[in-house]
C-alpha cells in the first residue's frame, strides 16, 4: 500500500481539531501559522500573537488586509470582535506567565524526552534567532510541535537526544508530522495515529528514537507489521 503523506494543510487541520474551545493559543512562525485558517468564530479559540494581539483570526475570502494588523511572521490577519492590541512587553508577560493553554511551534528536532530544538541549526555564519520560542516553551501549559517527520535529506527530526541547540527542556507534549501523531509520555514516545499505508516498522525506521504503538490508530496499515 502506498503511504499517503499529509499535506501541510491537512497537518494544520489536525492540530486545530485537537485544541478545545475556549483555549488561549499562540501559533509559532512557519508551518504553525496555517492552523489559524482552520478555526472559525464558532470554535471559540482565542489566538495570541507575540507582537501584541489577542483575538487574531484568518482573513475571510475577499477581505482586504489591514497593513497594520499582522501576526509575528508579518503576514496579514484579522481581529475578532472584542480582540485587542497591547505592548510587546505585555505580550511576553502573557507568554512567560502561564496564561496560554497551548502553543504550536515548528522544530528542527524533538527528543524522546520532550526536549525542543527549533531556533538554530548550529551552523557557523548562519543567522539564527530564538524569538519568542523559548518564552513559549517554558510558559505555555501545552507545547505542540508541527513539523515534517524527516528533513529533505531523509534525516529523522524525532531523535533520542537533540544534537542541535536546545530551545526548551522536556517541554513538548505532542508531535504532529506528515506521517503520524505522537505523544511524549514519561515512558517514551507513544504513537496516537499514523497515515494510511504506514506500517509500524516503516514509521520506526524514519524515527530516531524508540516508538510505542499500544492503542495506536493504525488506519490503513493492515497488520501494522
N, C-alpha and C. Protein backbone atom coordinates (compact mmCIF):
# COMPACT_ATOMS: atom_id res chain seq x y z
N UNK A 1 0.85 -1.21 0.00
CA UNK A 1 0.00 0.00 0.00
C UNK A 1 0.88 1.25 0.00
N UNK A 2 0.52 2.23 -0.80
CA UNK A 2 1.27 3.48 -0.87
C UNK A 2 1.02 4.33 0.36
N UNK A 3 2.09 4.91 0.89
CA UNK A 3 1.98 5.80 2.04
C UNK A 3 1.45 7.16 1.59
N UNK A 4 0.41 7.64 2.25
CA UNK A 4 -0.21 8.92 1.91
C UNK A 4 0.24 9.98 2.92
N UNK A 5 1.31 10.68 2.60
CA UNK A 5 1.77 11.74 3.49
C UNK A 5 0.73 12.87 3.55
N UNK A 6 0.55 13.42 4.73
CA UNK A 6 -0.38 14.52 4.88
C UNK A 6 0.18 15.78 4.26
N UNK A 7 -0.67 16.55 3.63
CA UNK A 7 -0.28 17.87 3.15
C UNK A 7 -0.10 18.80 4.35
N UNK A 8 0.53 19.92 4.12
CA UNK A 8 0.71 20.89 5.22
C UNK A 8 -0.64 21.39 5.71
N UNK A 9 -1.58 21.54 4.80
CA UNK A 9 -2.91 21.99 5.18
C UNK A 9 -3.60 20.95 6.06
N UNK A 10 -3.48 19.68 5.71
CA UNK A 10 -4.08 18.62 6.50
C UNK A 10 -3.42 18.49 7.87
N UNK A 11 -2.11 18.69 7.93
CA UNK A 11 -1.41 18.67 9.21
C UNK A 11 -1.94 19.76 10.13
N UNK A 12 -2.08 20.97 9.58
CA UNK A 12 -2.58 22.09 10.37
C UNK A 12 -4.01 21.85 10.84
N UNK A 13 -4.82 21.23 9.97
CA UNK A 13 -6.21 20.94 10.33
C UNK A 13 -6.29 19.98 11.53
N UNK A 14 -5.40 18.99 11.56
CA UNK A 14 -5.39 18.04 12.66
C UNK A 14 -5.12 18.74 13.99
N UNK A 15 -4.14 19.63 13.99
CA UNK A 15 -3.83 20.36 15.21
C UNK A 15 -5.03 21.20 15.65
N UNK A 16 -5.63 21.91 14.71
CA UNK A 16 -6.76 22.78 15.04
C UNK A 16 -7.89 22.00 15.69
N UNK A 17 -8.15 20.80 15.19
CA UNK A 17 -9.25 19.99 15.72
C UNK A 17 -8.96 19.45 17.12
N UNK A 18 -7.69 19.37 17.50
CA UNK A 18 -7.33 18.81 18.80
C UNK A 18 -7.25 19.85 19.91
N UNK A 19 -7.45 21.11 19.58
CA UNK A 19 -7.40 22.17 20.59
C UNK A 19 -8.84 22.56 20.96
N UNK A 20 -9.21 22.41 22.23
CA UNK A 20 -10.61 22.60 22.62
C UNK A 20 -11.06 24.05 22.62
N UNK A 21 -12.37 24.22 22.51
CA UNK A 21 -12.98 25.56 22.56
C UNK A 21 -12.63 26.24 23.87
N UNK A 22 -12.46 27.55 23.80
CA UNK A 22 -12.14 28.32 24.99
C UNK A 22 -10.66 28.42 25.29
N UNK A 23 -9.83 27.77 24.48
CA UNK A 23 -8.39 27.78 24.72
C UNK A 23 -7.75 29.07 24.24
N UNK A 24 -6.71 29.47 24.96
CA UNK A 24 -5.85 30.57 24.54
C UNK A 24 -4.60 29.96 23.92
N UNK A 25 -4.30 30.35 22.67
CA UNK A 25 -3.29 29.64 21.88
C UNK A 25 -2.35 30.62 21.19
N UNK A 26 -1.07 30.27 21.15
CA UNK A 26 -0.10 31.01 20.34
C UNK A 26 0.39 30.10 19.22
N UNK A 27 0.52 30.67 18.03
CA UNK A 27 1.00 29.92 16.86
C UNK A 27 2.36 30.44 16.44
N UNK A 28 3.35 29.55 16.39
CA UNK A 28 4.70 29.95 16.02
C UNK A 28 4.82 30.29 14.54
N UNK A 29 5.92 30.93 14.20
CA UNK A 29 6.21 31.30 12.81
C UNK A 29 6.49 30.05 11.99
N UNK A 30 6.09 30.08 10.72
CA UNK A 30 6.30 28.93 9.84
C UNK A 30 5.03 28.13 9.66
N UNK A 31 5.16 26.84 9.59
CA UNK A 31 4.01 25.96 9.37
C UNK A 31 2.89 26.16 10.39
N UNK A 32 3.18 26.39 11.68
CA UNK A 32 2.08 26.57 12.64
C UNK A 32 1.09 27.68 12.33
N UNK A 33 1.51 28.73 11.60
CA UNK A 33 0.56 29.82 11.34
C UNK A 33 -0.61 29.34 10.48
N UNK A 34 -0.45 28.23 9.77
CA UNK A 34 -1.54 27.71 8.94
C UNK A 34 -2.70 27.18 9.78
N UNK A 35 -2.45 26.87 11.03
CA UNK A 35 -3.51 26.36 11.90
C UNK A 35 -4.64 27.39 12.02
N UNK A 36 -4.28 28.67 11.97
CA UNK A 36 -5.27 29.74 12.12
C UNK A 36 -6.37 29.63 11.07
N UNK A 37 -6.05 29.12 9.89
CA UNK A 37 -7.01 29.03 8.80
C UNK A 37 -8.13 28.02 9.07
N UNK A 38 -7.96 27.19 10.10
CA UNK A 38 -8.91 26.11 10.36
C UNK A 38 -9.76 26.34 11.60
N UNK A 39 -9.79 27.58 12.09
CA UNK A 39 -10.70 27.95 13.17
C UNK A 39 -11.64 29.04 12.67
N UNK A 40 -12.89 28.92 13.07
CA UNK A 40 -13.87 29.96 12.83
C UNK A 40 -14.38 30.50 14.15
N UNK A 41 -15.25 31.49 14.09
CA UNK A 41 -15.79 32.08 15.31
C UNK A 41 -16.49 31.04 16.18
N UNK A 42 -17.10 30.04 15.52
CA UNK A 42 -17.84 29.01 16.26
C UNK A 42 -16.91 28.12 17.10
N UNK A 43 -15.61 28.10 16.80
CA UNK A 43 -14.67 27.27 17.55
C UNK A 43 -14.26 27.90 18.88
N UNK A 44 -14.43 29.21 19.00
CA UNK A 44 -14.17 29.93 20.25
C UNK A 44 -12.75 29.71 20.77
N UNK A 45 -11.79 29.65 19.86
CA UNK A 45 -10.38 29.59 20.23
C UNK A 45 -9.81 30.99 20.14
N UNK A 46 -9.16 31.44 21.22
CA UNK A 46 -8.62 32.80 21.28
C UNK A 46 -7.13 32.74 20.96
N UNK A 47 -6.75 33.37 19.86
CA UNK A 47 -5.37 33.24 19.35
C UNK A 47 -4.56 34.48 19.70
N UNK A 48 -3.41 34.21 20.30
CA UNK A 48 -2.47 35.25 20.76
C UNK A 48 -1.29 35.33 19.80
N UNK A 49 -0.80 36.54 19.59
CA UNK A 49 0.40 36.73 18.79
C UNK A 49 1.42 37.50 19.62
N UNK A 50 2.69 37.08 19.55
CA UNK A 50 3.70 37.68 20.41
C UNK A 50 3.96 39.15 20.09
N UNK A 51 3.55 39.61 18.90
CA UNK A 51 3.75 41.01 18.60
C UNK A 51 2.65 41.91 19.16
N UNK A 52 1.74 41.32 19.98
CA UNK A 52 0.81 42.14 20.74
C UNK A 52 -0.63 42.12 20.28
N UNK A 53 -1.15 40.92 19.95
CA UNK A 53 -2.55 40.77 19.56
C UNK A 53 -3.17 39.65 20.36
N UNK A 54 -4.40 39.86 20.80
CA UNK A 54 -5.20 38.77 21.37
C UNK A 54 -6.54 38.80 20.65
N UNK A 55 -6.89 37.67 20.04
CA UNK A 55 -8.10 37.62 19.24
C UNK A 55 -7.80 37.69 17.76
N UNK A 56 -6.72 37.07 17.36
CA UNK A 56 -6.33 37.05 15.95
C UNK A 56 -7.17 36.03 15.19
N UNK A 57 -7.46 36.31 13.94
CA UNK A 57 -8.22 35.39 13.09
C UNK A 57 -7.69 35.45 11.67
N UNK A 58 -8.01 34.43 10.89
CA UNK A 58 -7.64 34.44 9.49
C UNK A 58 -8.52 35.42 8.72
N UNK A 59 -8.00 35.98 7.66
CA UNK A 59 -8.80 36.87 6.82
C UNK A 59 -9.85 36.05 6.06
N UNK A 60 -11.02 36.65 5.89
CA UNK A 60 -12.08 35.99 5.13
C UNK A 60 -11.83 36.10 3.64
N UNK A 61 -12.53 35.29 2.88
CA UNK A 61 -12.38 35.30 1.43
C UNK A 61 -12.71 36.68 0.88
N UNK A 62 -11.80 37.25 0.13
CA UNK A 62 -12.01 38.56 -0.46
C UNK A 62 -11.83 39.73 0.48
N UNK A 63 -11.49 39.45 1.73
CA UNK A 63 -11.32 40.54 2.70
C UNK A 63 -9.99 41.25 2.47
N UNK A 64 -10.03 42.57 2.41
CA UNK A 64 -8.81 43.35 2.19
C UNK A 64 -7.99 43.40 3.48
N UNK A 65 -6.70 43.12 3.41
CA UNK A 65 -5.87 43.16 4.62
C UNK A 65 -5.63 44.58 5.10
N UNK A 66 -5.53 44.73 6.40
CA UNK A 66 -5.12 45.99 7.01
C UNK A 66 -3.62 45.90 7.25
N UNK A 67 -2.82 46.76 6.65
CA UNK A 67 -1.36 46.65 6.79
C UNK A 67 -0.86 46.80 8.22
N UNK A 68 -1.71 47.33 9.09
CA UNK A 68 -1.31 47.49 10.49
C UNK A 68 -1.65 46.27 11.35
N UNK A 69 -2.30 45.27 10.77
CA UNK A 69 -2.67 44.08 11.55
C UNK A 69 -1.97 42.88 10.93
N UNK A 70 -0.89 42.45 11.57
CA UNK A 70 -0.13 41.29 11.09
C UNK A 70 0.21 40.39 12.27
N UNK A 71 0.51 39.13 11.96
CA UNK A 71 0.97 38.24 13.01
C UNK A 71 2.48 38.40 13.19
N UNK A 72 3.09 37.57 14.03
CA UNK A 72 4.52 37.70 14.31
C UNK A 72 5.38 37.39 13.09
N UNK A 73 4.80 36.72 12.10
CA UNK A 73 5.52 36.44 10.85
C UNK A 73 5.32 37.54 9.82
N UNK A 74 4.65 38.61 10.21
CA UNK A 74 4.37 39.76 9.35
C UNK A 74 3.39 39.43 8.23
N UNK A 75 2.57 38.41 8.45
CA UNK A 75 1.53 38.05 7.50
C UNK A 75 0.22 38.72 7.90
N UNK A 76 -0.60 39.15 6.96
CA UNK A 76 -1.84 39.86 7.31
C UNK A 76 -2.84 38.93 7.98
N UNK A 77 -3.48 39.43 9.02
CA UNK A 77 -4.52 38.70 9.75
C UNK A 77 -5.65 39.67 10.07
N UNK A 78 -6.74 39.12 10.60
CA UNK A 78 -7.84 39.94 11.05
C UNK A 78 -7.95 39.90 12.56
N UNK A 79 -8.94 40.58 13.08
CA UNK A 79 -9.17 40.66 14.52
C UNK A 79 -10.62 40.31 14.79
N UNK A 80 -10.87 39.39 15.73
CA UNK A 80 -12.24 39.03 16.07
C UNK A 80 -12.90 40.17 16.83
N UNK A 81 -14.22 40.18 16.89
CA UNK A 81 -14.92 41.15 17.71
C UNK A 81 -14.48 41.00 19.17
N UNK A 82 -14.04 42.10 19.77
CA UNK A 82 -13.54 42.06 21.14
C UNK A 82 -12.05 41.82 21.23
N UNK A 83 -11.40 41.62 20.08
CA UNK A 83 -9.94 41.44 20.10
C UNK A 83 -9.24 42.73 20.48
N UNK A 84 -7.96 42.62 20.83
CA UNK A 84 -7.26 43.81 21.31
C UNK A 84 -5.78 43.78 20.97
N UNK A 85 -5.15 44.95 21.10
CA UNK A 85 -3.72 45.11 20.91
C UNK A 85 -3.09 45.54 22.23
N UNK A 86 -1.81 45.28 22.38
CA UNK A 86 -1.12 45.70 23.61
C UNK A 86 0.39 45.74 23.36
N UNK A 87 1.10 46.25 24.33
CA UNK A 87 2.54 46.43 24.22
C UNK A 87 3.25 45.08 24.10
N UNK A 88 4.36 45.09 23.38
CA UNK A 88 5.15 43.87 23.19
C UNK A 88 5.56 43.25 24.53
N UNK A 89 5.92 44.09 25.48
CA UNK A 89 6.33 43.57 26.79
C UNK A 89 5.16 42.87 27.50
N UNK A 90 3.95 43.41 27.34
CA UNK A 90 2.78 42.76 27.93
C UNK A 90 2.53 41.41 27.27
N UNK A 91 2.76 41.34 25.97
CA UNK A 91 2.57 40.09 25.25
C UNK A 91 3.51 39.01 25.80
N UNK A 92 4.77 39.37 26.01
CA UNK A 92 5.72 38.39 26.55
C UNK A 92 5.42 38.04 27.99
N UNK A 93 4.83 38.95 28.75
CA UNK A 93 4.40 38.62 30.11
C UNK A 93 3.31 37.55 30.08
N UNK A 94 2.42 37.65 29.11
CA UNK A 94 1.39 36.62 28.95
C UNK A 94 2.02 35.27 28.61
N UNK A 95 3.02 35.29 27.74
CA UNK A 95 3.68 34.06 27.32
C UNK A 95 4.44 33.41 28.46
N UNK A 96 5.16 34.21 29.22
CA UNK A 96 6.00 33.68 30.30
C UNK A 96 5.21 33.34 31.56
N UNK A 97 4.04 33.96 31.69
CA UNK A 97 3.32 33.87 32.95
C UNK A 97 2.35 32.72 33.07
N UNK A 98 2.35 31.80 32.10
CA UNK A 98 1.46 30.65 32.20
C UNK A 98 0.03 30.94 31.81
N UNK A 99 -0.20 31.99 31.00
CA UNK A 99 -1.56 32.38 30.62
C UNK A 99 -2.04 31.74 29.33
N UNK A 100 -1.16 31.05 28.62
CA UNK A 100 -1.54 30.40 27.37
C UNK A 100 -1.76 28.91 27.61
N UNK A 101 -2.89 28.41 27.12
CA UNK A 101 -3.19 26.99 27.28
C UNK A 101 -2.34 26.14 26.34
N UNK A 102 -2.12 26.63 25.13
CA UNK A 102 -1.38 25.88 24.12
C UNK A 102 -0.47 26.82 23.32
N UNK A 103 0.64 26.29 22.88
CA UNK A 103 1.37 26.93 21.79
C UNK A 103 1.71 25.84 20.78
N UNK A 104 1.75 26.23 19.51
CA UNK A 104 2.09 25.31 18.43
C UNK A 104 3.35 25.86 17.77
N UNK A 105 4.42 25.08 17.81
CA UNK A 105 5.71 25.53 17.31
C UNK A 105 6.24 24.58 16.24
N UNK A 106 7.05 25.11 15.35
CA UNK A 106 7.81 24.27 14.45
C UNK A 106 9.07 23.79 15.15
N UNK A 107 9.79 22.86 14.54
CA UNK A 107 11.01 22.34 15.18
C UNK A 107 11.97 21.79 14.15
N UNK A 108 13.25 21.85 14.50
CA UNK A 108 14.28 21.12 13.76
C UNK A 108 14.41 19.71 14.32
N UNK A 109 14.32 19.60 15.65
CA UNK A 109 14.40 18.31 16.33
C UNK A 109 13.52 18.31 17.57
N UNK A 110 12.96 17.14 17.88
CA UNK A 110 12.31 16.90 19.17
C UNK A 110 12.87 15.60 19.71
N UNK A 111 13.29 15.61 20.98
CA UNK A 111 13.86 14.42 21.59
C UNK A 111 12.78 13.58 22.25
N UNK A 112 13.11 12.33 22.54
CA UNK A 112 12.17 11.40 23.15
C UNK A 112 11.66 11.87 24.50
N UNK A 113 12.46 12.69 25.19
CA UNK A 113 12.03 13.20 26.50
C UNK A 113 11.29 14.53 26.41
N UNK A 114 11.05 15.02 25.18
CA UNK A 114 10.33 16.27 25.00
C UNK A 114 11.20 17.50 24.84
N UNK A 115 12.52 17.34 24.82
CA UNK A 115 13.39 18.49 24.53
C UNK A 115 13.09 19.03 23.14
N UNK A 116 13.15 20.35 23.02
CA UNK A 116 12.81 21.03 21.76
C UNK A 116 14.02 21.80 21.25
N UNK A 117 14.33 21.62 19.97
CA UNK A 117 15.37 22.41 19.29
C UNK A 117 14.74 23.02 18.05
N UNK A 118 14.55 24.34 18.06
CA UNK A 118 13.87 24.95 16.91
C UNK A 118 14.37 26.34 16.54
N UNK A 119 15.53 26.73 17.07
CA UNK A 119 15.95 28.10 16.76
C UNK A 119 17.28 28.20 16.03
N UNK A 120 18.07 27.14 16.03
CA UNK A 120 19.39 27.22 15.40
C UNK A 120 19.80 25.85 14.87
N UNK A 121 20.38 25.85 13.66
CA UNK A 121 20.95 24.63 13.10
C UNK A 121 22.40 24.43 13.53
N UNK A 122 22.89 25.35 14.38
CA UNK A 122 24.24 25.22 14.90
C UNK A 122 25.33 25.39 13.87
N UNK A 123 25.03 26.09 12.79
CA UNK A 123 26.00 26.24 11.70
C UNK A 123 26.66 27.61 11.78
N UNK A 124 27.98 27.68 11.60
CA UNK A 124 28.67 28.98 11.65
C UNK A 124 28.23 29.89 10.52
N UNK A 125 28.17 31.18 10.81
CA UNK A 125 27.83 32.21 9.83
C UNK A 125 26.42 32.09 9.27
N UNK A 126 25.55 31.35 9.97
CA UNK A 126 24.15 31.26 9.58
C UNK A 126 23.32 31.95 10.67
N UNK A 127 22.58 32.99 10.28
CA UNK A 127 21.81 33.76 11.26
C UNK A 127 20.74 32.89 11.91
N UNK A 128 20.60 33.03 13.22
CA UNK A 128 19.58 32.30 13.97
C UNK A 128 19.06 33.20 15.07
N UNK A 129 17.79 33.10 15.36
CA UNK A 129 17.20 33.92 16.42
C UNK A 129 16.10 33.12 17.09
N UNK A 130 16.12 33.10 18.40
CA UNK A 130 15.15 32.29 19.13
C UNK A 130 13.77 32.95 19.17
N UNK A 131 13.71 34.28 18.98
CA UNK A 131 12.41 34.96 19.01
C UNK A 131 11.70 34.72 20.32
N UNK A 132 10.41 34.40 20.25
CA UNK A 132 9.65 34.13 21.46
C UNK A 132 9.52 32.65 21.78
N UNK A 133 10.20 31.79 21.01
CA UNK A 133 10.02 30.34 21.18
C UNK A 133 10.42 29.87 22.57
N UNK A 134 11.50 30.42 23.11
CA UNK A 134 11.96 29.99 24.43
C UNK A 134 10.94 30.37 25.49
N UNK A 135 10.35 31.55 25.37
CA UNK A 135 9.34 32.00 26.33
C UNK A 135 8.10 31.12 26.25
N UNK A 136 7.71 30.75 25.03
CA UNK A 136 6.54 29.89 24.85
C UNK A 136 6.81 28.48 25.36
N UNK A 137 8.03 27.99 25.13
CA UNK A 137 8.36 26.62 25.53
C UNK A 137 8.25 26.44 27.04
N UNK A 138 8.59 27.47 27.79
CA UNK A 138 8.54 27.35 29.26
C UNK A 138 7.25 27.90 29.84
N UNK A 139 6.52 28.73 29.06
CA UNK A 139 5.36 29.40 29.62
C UNK A 139 4.02 28.80 29.28
N UNK A 140 3.89 28.19 28.09
CA UNK A 140 2.61 27.61 27.69
C UNK A 140 2.36 26.30 28.45
N UNK A 141 1.11 26.04 28.77
CA UNK A 141 0.78 24.83 29.52
C UNK A 141 0.93 23.57 28.68
N UNK A 142 0.71 23.69 27.40
CA UNK A 142 0.85 22.55 26.48
C UNK A 142 1.62 23.01 25.25
N UNK A 143 2.73 22.35 24.96
CA UNK A 143 3.53 22.68 23.79
C UNK A 143 3.34 21.58 22.75
N UNK A 144 2.74 21.94 21.61
CA UNK A 144 2.57 21.03 20.49
C UNK A 144 3.59 21.42 19.41
N UNK A 145 4.18 20.44 18.75
CA UNK A 145 5.10 20.69 17.64
C UNK A 145 4.45 20.21 16.35
N UNK A 146 4.55 21.03 15.32
CA UNK A 146 4.03 20.72 13.99
C UNK A 146 5.20 20.80 13.02
N UNK A 147 5.57 19.67 12.43
CA UNK A 147 6.74 19.63 11.56
C UNK A 147 6.68 18.41 10.65
N UNK A 148 7.50 18.40 9.62
CA UNK A 148 7.62 17.22 8.78
C UNK A 148 8.48 16.18 9.50
N UNK A 149 8.18 14.90 9.26
CA UNK A 149 8.78 13.83 10.06
C UNK A 149 10.29 13.71 9.84
N UNK A 150 10.73 13.95 8.62
CA UNK A 150 12.16 13.88 8.31
C UNK A 150 12.56 15.13 7.54
N UNK A 151 13.86 15.39 7.47
CA UNK A 151 14.38 16.51 6.71
C UNK A 151 14.32 16.21 5.22
N UNK A 152 14.67 17.19 4.41
CA UNK A 152 14.71 16.99 2.96
C UNK A 152 15.70 15.90 2.58
N UNK A 153 16.68 15.68 3.44
CA UNK A 153 17.67 14.63 3.18
C UNK A 153 17.27 13.29 3.80
N UNK A 154 16.07 13.21 4.36
CA UNK A 154 15.60 11.96 4.95
C UNK A 154 16.09 11.68 6.35
N UNK A 155 16.65 12.68 7.02
CA UNK A 155 17.15 12.51 8.39
C UNK A 155 16.00 12.70 9.38
N UNK A 156 15.82 11.80 10.34
CA UNK A 156 14.72 11.95 11.31
C UNK A 156 14.82 13.24 12.12
N UNK A 157 13.68 13.88 12.30
CA UNK A 157 13.62 15.06 13.16
C UNK A 157 13.27 14.67 14.61
N UNK A 158 12.67 13.50 14.77
CA UNK A 158 12.38 12.99 16.11
C UNK A 158 13.54 12.08 16.48
N UNK A 159 14.24 12.43 17.56
CA UNK A 159 15.51 11.78 17.89
C UNK A 159 15.53 11.34 19.35
N UNK A 160 16.52 10.50 19.66
CA UNK A 160 16.68 10.07 21.05
C UNK A 160 17.16 11.23 21.91
N UNK A 161 18.15 11.97 21.42
CA UNK A 161 18.64 13.17 22.09
C UNK A 161 18.92 14.24 21.04
N UNK A 162 18.56 15.48 21.34
CA UNK A 162 18.80 16.57 20.40
C UNK A 162 20.30 16.81 20.24
N UNK A 163 20.72 17.03 19.01
CA UNK A 163 22.11 17.39 18.73
C UNK A 163 22.23 18.87 18.38
N UNK A 164 21.12 19.55 18.27
CA UNK A 164 21.10 20.98 17.97
C UNK A 164 20.85 21.77 19.26
N UNK A 165 21.14 23.08 19.25
CA UNK A 165 20.92 23.90 20.44
C UNK A 165 19.47 23.81 20.94
N UNK A 166 19.32 23.61 22.24
CA UNK A 166 18.01 23.39 22.84
C UNK A 166 17.27 24.72 23.05
N UNK A 167 15.99 24.72 22.71
CA UNK A 167 15.11 25.85 22.99
C UNK A 167 14.48 25.71 24.37
N UNK A 168 13.97 24.51 24.67
CA UNK A 168 13.34 24.24 25.95
C UNK A 168 13.51 22.77 26.30
N UNK A 169 13.70 22.50 27.59
CA UNK A 169 13.92 21.12 28.05
C UNK A 169 12.61 20.48 28.47
N UNK A 170 12.37 19.26 27.99
CA UNK A 170 11.23 18.43 28.41
C UNK A 170 9.91 19.20 28.34
N UNK A 171 9.72 19.98 27.29
CA UNK A 171 8.54 20.84 27.21
C UNK A 171 7.48 20.34 26.23
N UNK A 172 7.85 19.54 25.23
CA UNK A 172 6.91 19.13 24.19
C UNK A 172 6.01 18.01 24.70
N UNK A 173 4.71 18.17 24.48
CA UNK A 173 3.75 17.15 24.88
C UNK A 173 3.22 16.31 23.72
N UNK A 174 3.18 16.91 22.53
CA UNK A 174 2.66 16.17 21.39
C UNK A 174 3.34 16.64 20.12
N UNK A 175 3.54 15.70 19.18
CA UNK A 175 4.20 15.99 17.91
C UNK A 175 3.26 15.61 16.78
N UNK A 176 3.04 16.53 15.86
CA UNK A 176 2.24 16.28 14.66
C UNK A 176 3.17 16.34 13.46
N UNK A 177 3.19 15.28 12.65
CA UNK A 177 4.00 15.29 11.44
C UNK A 177 3.14 14.89 10.24
N UNK A 178 3.77 14.84 9.09
CA UNK A 178 3.07 14.42 7.88
C UNK A 178 2.87 12.91 7.82
N UNK A 179 3.39 12.19 8.83
CA UNK A 179 3.26 10.73 8.87
C UNK A 179 2.50 10.20 10.09
N UNK A 180 2.51 10.95 11.19
CA UNK A 180 1.94 10.41 12.43
C UNK A 180 1.69 11.52 13.44
N UNK A 181 0.91 11.17 14.47
CA UNK A 181 0.75 12.00 15.65
C UNK A 181 1.31 11.20 16.82
N UNK A 182 2.17 11.85 17.61
CA UNK A 182 2.91 11.14 18.66
C UNK A 182 2.87 11.95 19.95
N UNK A 183 2.55 11.30 21.05
CA UNK A 183 2.57 11.94 22.37
C UNK A 183 3.89 11.65 23.06
N UNK A 184 4.40 12.65 23.77
CA UNK A 184 5.59 12.47 24.60
C UNK A 184 5.11 12.12 26.01
N UNK A 185 5.43 10.92 26.48
CA UNK A 185 4.96 10.44 27.76
C UNK A 185 6.15 10.10 28.65
N UNK A 186 5.92 9.88 29.95
CA UNK A 186 7.03 9.51 30.85
C UNK A 186 7.75 8.23 30.43
N UNK A 187 7.08 7.35 29.69
CA UNK A 187 7.73 6.10 29.28
C UNK A 187 8.26 6.18 27.85
N UNK A 188 8.13 7.33 27.21
CA UNK A 188 8.66 7.49 25.87
C UNK A 188 7.64 8.01 24.89
N UNK A 189 7.89 7.75 23.61
CA UNK A 189 7.05 8.28 22.54
C UNK A 189 5.94 7.30 22.20
N UNK A 190 4.69 7.75 22.40
CA UNK A 190 3.52 6.92 22.14
C UNK A 190 2.84 7.37 20.85
N UNK A 191 2.75 6.48 19.88
CA UNK A 191 2.09 6.80 18.61
C UNK A 191 0.58 6.80 18.82
N UNK A 192 -0.06 7.91 18.46
CA UNK A 192 -1.52 8.04 18.55
C UNK A 192 -2.17 7.55 17.26
N UNK A 193 -1.63 8.01 16.12
CA UNK A 193 -2.15 7.57 14.83
C UNK A 193 -1.08 7.67 13.77
N UNK A 194 -1.31 6.99 12.67
CA UNK A 194 -0.41 7.02 11.52
C UNK A 194 -1.22 7.24 10.25
N UNK A 195 -0.58 7.72 9.21
CA UNK A 195 -1.28 7.94 7.95
C UNK A 195 -1.59 6.59 7.29
N UNK A 196 -2.61 6.55 6.43
CA UNK A 196 -2.92 5.32 5.69
C UNK A 196 -1.71 4.82 4.90
N UNK A 197 -1.50 3.51 4.95
CA UNK A 197 -0.38 2.90 4.24
C UNK A 197 0.89 2.80 5.04
N UNK A 198 0.92 3.44 6.22
CA UNK A 198 2.13 3.42 7.04
C UNK A 198 2.13 2.20 7.96
N UNK A 199 3.23 1.46 7.97
CA UNK A 199 3.39 0.34 8.90
C UNK A 199 4.19 0.80 10.11
N UNK A 200 4.08 0.05 11.17
CA UNK A 200 4.82 0.38 12.38
C UNK A 200 6.33 0.31 12.13
N UNK A 201 6.76 -0.69 11.40
CA UNK A 201 8.19 -0.85 11.14
C UNK A 201 8.74 0.29 10.29
N UNK A 202 7.96 0.73 9.31
CA UNK A 202 8.43 1.83 8.46
C UNK A 202 8.50 3.14 9.25
N UNK A 203 7.47 3.41 10.05
CA UNK A 203 7.50 4.62 10.87
C UNK A 203 8.68 4.60 11.82
N UNK A 204 8.94 3.44 12.43
CA UNK A 204 10.09 3.35 13.33
C UNK A 204 11.40 3.61 12.60
N UNK A 205 11.51 3.12 11.36
CA UNK A 205 12.74 3.31 10.59
C UNK A 205 12.98 4.78 10.24
N UNK A 206 11.91 5.57 10.24
CA UNK A 206 12.02 7.00 9.93
C UNK A 206 12.10 7.87 11.17
N UNK A 207 12.23 7.24 12.32
CA UNK A 207 12.25 7.93 13.61
C UNK A 207 13.52 7.56 14.36
N UNK A 208 14.19 8.55 14.92
CA UNK A 208 15.47 8.32 15.57
C UNK A 208 15.38 8.02 17.04
N UNK A 209 14.22 7.55 17.50
CA UNK A 209 14.03 7.18 18.90
C UNK A 209 12.99 6.08 18.94
N UNK A 210 13.01 5.22 19.97
CA UNK A 210 12.03 4.13 20.05
C UNK A 210 10.60 4.65 20.15
N UNK A 211 9.69 3.97 19.46
CA UNK A 211 8.28 4.31 19.49
C UNK A 211 7.49 3.21 20.18
N UNK A 212 6.41 3.61 20.86
CA UNK A 212 5.47 2.66 21.45
C UNK A 212 4.17 2.75 20.65
N UNK A 213 3.57 1.61 20.36
CA UNK A 213 2.41 1.58 19.48
C UNK A 213 1.14 1.07 20.16
N UNK A 214 1.18 0.84 21.47
CA UNK A 214 -0.02 0.38 22.15
C UNK A 214 -1.16 1.39 21.96
N UNK A 215 -2.32 0.90 21.55
CA UNK A 215 -3.52 1.72 21.35
C UNK A 215 -3.40 2.71 20.20
N UNK A 216 -2.37 2.56 19.37
CA UNK A 216 -2.22 3.47 18.23
C UNK A 216 -3.30 3.20 17.21
N UNK A 217 -3.78 4.27 16.58
CA UNK A 217 -4.73 4.17 15.48
C UNK A 217 -3.93 3.92 14.21
N UNK A 218 -3.97 2.69 13.71
CA UNK A 218 -3.18 2.34 12.53
C UNK A 218 -4.09 2.17 11.32
N UNK A 219 -4.99 3.12 11.12
CA UNK A 219 -5.89 3.07 9.98
C UNK A 219 -5.14 2.92 8.68
N UNK A 220 -5.57 1.92 7.89
CA UNK A 220 -4.97 1.74 6.58
C UNK A 220 -3.62 1.05 6.60
N UNK A 221 -3.19 0.51 7.79
CA UNK A 221 -1.89 -0.09 7.86
C UNK A 221 -1.93 -1.60 7.88
N UNK A 222 -3.09 -2.19 7.66
CA UNK A 222 -3.18 -3.65 7.65
C UNK A 222 -2.83 -4.22 9.01
N UNK A 223 -1.87 -5.14 9.03
CA UNK A 223 -1.49 -5.80 10.27
C UNK A 223 -0.62 -4.93 11.14
N UNK A 224 -0.07 -3.85 10.57
CA UNK A 224 0.83 -2.99 11.33
C UNK A 224 2.24 -3.55 11.44
N UNK A 225 2.53 -4.60 10.69
CA UNK A 225 3.84 -5.23 10.78
C UNK A 225 4.91 -4.36 10.14
